[in-house]
Amino acid sequence: MDSSSFSVTSLDTVDPKLQHFIEVETQKQRFQQLVHQMTGLCWEKCMDKPGPKLDSRSEACFVNCVERFIDTSQFILNRLEQTQKSKPVFSESFSD
């Protein structure tokens, strides 16, 4: 078999199942990173001393911290989406 009969196009296409798997795993990794970041942040803020059980003050602090973390993350994502949508497309900016 000579090199001219070898088809490279099969290497150029990505299996949709593989692509979906990679996307799902990437989303899982991002979620785990956010949980890890949130846990570290809230743990430092809310835990005075470790014990076998959370007291009501620590529990309320954790709930508030997690809710604020989620609100802030959502705000940032929304702002990034708005910024991305408001940017002119490169070809449109030179149409004048």
Protein backbone atom coordinates (compact mmCIF):
# COMPACT_ATOMS: atom_id res chain seq x y z
CA MET A 1 0.00 0.00 0.00
CA ASP A 2 1.50 3.30 -1.05
CA SER A 3 1.08 6.62 0.75
CA SER A 4 -1.27 8.00 -1.91
CA SER A 5 -3.99 5.47 -1.00
CA PHE A 6 -3.96 6.42 2.71
CA SER A 7 -6.90 8.63 3.67
CA VAL A 8 -6.31 11.32 6.28
CA THR A 9 -9.94 12.40 6.40
CA SER A 10 -10.78 9.64 8.88
CA LEU A 11 -8.32 11.24 11.30
CA ASP A 12 -9.85 14.68 10.82
CA THR A 13 -13.32 13.69 12.00
CA VAL A 14 -13.97 13.16 15.67
CA ASP A 15 -16.33 10.47 16.84
CA PRO A 16 -19.44 12.26 18.19
CA LYS A 17 -19.64 9.85 21.13
CA LEU A 18 -16.04 10.55 22.06
CA GLN A 19 -16.59 14.29 21.71
CA HIS A 20 -19.69 14.11 23.93
CA PHE A 21 -17.78 12.04 26.51
CA ILE A 22 -14.96 14.61 26.58
CA GLU A 23 -17.45 17.47 27.00
CA VAL A 24 -19.21 15.69 29.87
CA GLU A 25 -15.92 14.89 31.61
CA THR A 26 -14.75 18.49 31.17
CA GLN A 27 -17.98 19.74 32.76
CA LYS A 28 -17.51 17.32 35.65
CA GLN A 29 -13.96 18.57 36.16
CA ARG A 30 -15.10 22.21 36.18
CA PHE A 31 -17.84 21.39 38.66
CA GLN A 32 -15.38 19.58 40.94
CA GLN A 33 -12.99 22.54 40.78
CA LEU A 34 -15.81 24.93 41.75
CA VAL A 35 -16.87 22.72 44.64
CA HIS A 36 -13.28 22.45 45.83
CA GLN A 37 -12.80 26.22 45.59
CA MET A 38 -16.10 26.92 47.34
CA THR A 39 -15.37 24.39 50.09
CA GLY A 40 -11.98 25.93 50.78
CA LEU A 41 -13.32 29.45 50.85
CA CYS A 42 -16.30 28.68 53.06
CA TRP A 43 -14.32 26.36 55.36
CA GLU A 44 -11.80 29.08 56.14
CA LYS A 45 -14.55 31.62 56.72
CA CYS A 46 -16.98 29.53 58.76
CA MET A 47 -15.02 26.97 60.78
CA ASP A 48 -13.64 28.14 64.09
CA LYS A 49 -12.81 24.69 65.43
CA PRO A 50 -13.45 21.26 63.98
CA GLY A 51 -15.80 18.98 65.84
CA PRO A 52 -18.06 16.00 65.38
CA LYS A 53 -21.03 18.20 64.49
CA LEU A 54 -21.63 21.68 63.04
CA ASP A 55 -23.11 24.20 65.41
CA SER A 56 -26.01 26.31 64.16
CA ARG A 57 -23.82 29.38 63.60
CA SER A 58 -21.33 27.46 61.46
CA GLU A 59 -24.13 25.77 59.52
CA ALA A 60 -25.81 29.11 58.79
CA CYS A 61 -22.45 30.55 57.76
CA PHE A 62 -21.84 27.66 55.34
CA VAL A 63 -25.30 28.00 53.79
CA ASN A 64 -24.84 31.75 53.35
CA CYS A 65 -21.32 31.34 51.97
CA VAL A 66 -22.40 28.72 49.42
CA GLU A 67 -25.39 30.80 48.32
CA ARG A 68 -23.20 33.90 47.86
CA PHE A 69 -20.60 31.87 45.97
CA ILE A 70 -23.28 30.55 43.60
CA ASP A 71 -24.81 34.02 43.16
CA THR A 72 -21.40 35.53 42.42
CA SER A 73 -20.49 32.80 39.96
CA GLN A 74 -23.81 33.20 38.15
CA PHE A 75 -23.39 36.99 38.03
CA ILE A 76 -19.92 36.65 36.52
CA LEU A 77 -21.12 34.14 33.92
CA ASN A 78 -24.04 36.37 32.96
CA ARG A 79 -21.75 39.40 32.68
CA LEU A 80 -19.30 37.48 30.48
CA GLU A 81 -22.16 36.35 28.23
CA GLN A 82 -23.42 39.94 27.92
CA THR A 83 -19.93 41.19 27.13
CA GLN A 84 -19.45 38.47 24.53
CA LYS A 85 -22.82 39.25 22.87
CA SER A 86 -22.15 42.99 22.76
CA LYS A 87 -18.78 42.66 21.00
CA PRO A 88 -19.05 43.49 17.29
CA VAL A 89 -18.08 40.78 14.87
CA PHE A 90 -14.72 41.56 13.25
CA SER A 91 -16.10 41.71 9.70
CA GLU A 92 -18.97 43.98 10.77
CA SER A 93 -16.63 46.55 12.31
CA PHE A 94 -15.04 47.26 8.91
CA SER A 95 -18.23 47.40 6.86
CA ASP A 96 -18.38 51.23 6.85
